[in-house]
Amino acid sequence: MSAIWRQFQALLPKRALTIATVTAHNGDGTSTVQYPGGAEVRVRGQSVAIGDNAFILDGEIRGTAPAVTPIVLDV
């Protein structure tokens, strides 16, 4: 692998922090969240109330996120 490619990879984030809306709490300690594009995903944790936004990192709720206007970019 070239040195330039390794330098480029070092600039990329290792883990993505995303924001989604909590739509349900499940009986197994997980929550269902919905991303701005409409995708629903089951994640670990129930610390954020239904209807509120949550920070999601590595498939786990990490805390309450502020209300934001979603912007979806297709690349």
Protein backbone atom coordinates (compact mmCIF):
# COMPACT_ATOMS: atom_id res chain seq x y z
CA MET A 1 0.00 0.00 0.00
CA SER A 2 1.38 3.42 -0.91
CA ALA A 3 2.22 6.04 1.69
CA ILE A 4 -0.20 8.50 0.10
CA TRP A 5 -3.08 6.02 0.42
CA ARG A 6 -2.27 5.42 4.12
CA GLN A 7 -2.18 9.17 4.71
CA PHE A 8 -5.58 9.52 3.04
CA GLN A 9 -7.06 6.69 5.14
CA ALA A 10 -5.78 8.38 8.30
CA LEU A 11 -7.96 11.40 7.47
CA LEU A 12 -11.15 9.33 7.36
CA PRO A 13 -13.21 8.91 10.54
CA LYS A 14 -12.92 5.46 12.07
CA ARG A 15 -16.47 5.38 13.40
CA ALA A 16 -19.53 7.30 12.23
CA LEU A 17 -21.66 9.24 14.72
CA THR A 18 -25.18 9.60 13.33
CA ILE A 19 -28.47 11.11 14.48
CA ALA A 20 -31.78 9.25 14.30
CA THR A 21 -35.25 9.57 15.85
CA VAL A 22 -36.28 6.96 18.41
CA THR A 23 -39.56 5.39 17.30
CA ALA A 24 -39.93 2.51 19.80
CA HIS A 25 -38.43 0.84 22.85
CA ASN A 26 -38.26 -2.95 22.55
CA GLY A 27 -38.56 -5.51 25.34
CA ASP A 28 -34.97 -6.71 24.98
CA GLY A 29 -33.30 -3.40 25.91
CA THR A 30 -33.00 -2.16 22.34
CA SER A 31 -34.70 0.71 20.56
CA THR A 32 -35.93 1.14 17.02
CA VAL A 33 -34.70 4.34 15.40
CA GLN A 34 -35.50 5.99 12.09
CA TYR A 35 -32.90 7.83 10.04
CA PRO A 36 -33.80 10.92 7.97
CA GLY A 37 -33.81 8.85 4.76
CA GLY A 38 -36.53 6.61 6.22
CA ALA A 39 -34.42 3.56 7.15
CA GLU A 40 -35.37 1.93 10.45
CA VAL A 41 -32.69 0.18 12.51
CA ARG A 42 -32.65 -1.59 15.85
CA VAL A 43 -29.92 -0.31 18.20
CA ARG A 44 -28.79 -1.06 21.76
CA GLY A 45 -30.05 1.16 24.58
CA GLN A 46 -33.20 2.94 25.70
CA SER A 47 -31.84 6.09 27.33
CA VAL A 48 -33.59 8.46 24.90
CA ALA A 49 -37.37 8.98 24.96
CA ILE A 50 -39.56 7.93 22.04
CA GLY A 51 -39.90 10.83 19.60
CA ASP A 52 -36.57 12.41 20.56
CA ASN A 53 -33.38 12.41 18.50
CA ALA A 54 -30.46 10.22 19.58
CA PHE A 55 -26.77 10.06 18.81
CA ILE A 56 -25.98 6.57 17.44
CA LEU A 57 -22.41 5.22 17.51
CA ASP A 58 -21.50 1.62 16.70
CA GLY A 59 -25.12 0.46 16.90
CA GLU A 60 -25.71 1.95 20.36
CA ILE A 61 -27.57 5.01 21.63
CA ARG A 62 -24.97 7.37 23.12
CA GLY A 63 -27.26 10.20 24.25
CA THR A 64 -29.91 12.72 23.31
CA ALA A 65 -29.22 14.72 20.16
CA PRO A 66 -30.55 18.21 19.44
CA ALA A 67 -33.47 18.72 17.09
CA VAL A 68 -31.98 19.22 13.64
CA THR A 69 -33.26 19.76 10.14
CA PRO A 70 -32.28 16.60 8.27
CA ILE A 71 -30.31 16.89 5.07
CA VAL A 72 -29.88 13.78 2.95
CA LEU A 73 -27.03 13.73 0.44
CA ASP A 74 -26.77 11.04 -2.18
CA VAL A 75 -23.21 10.41 -3.24
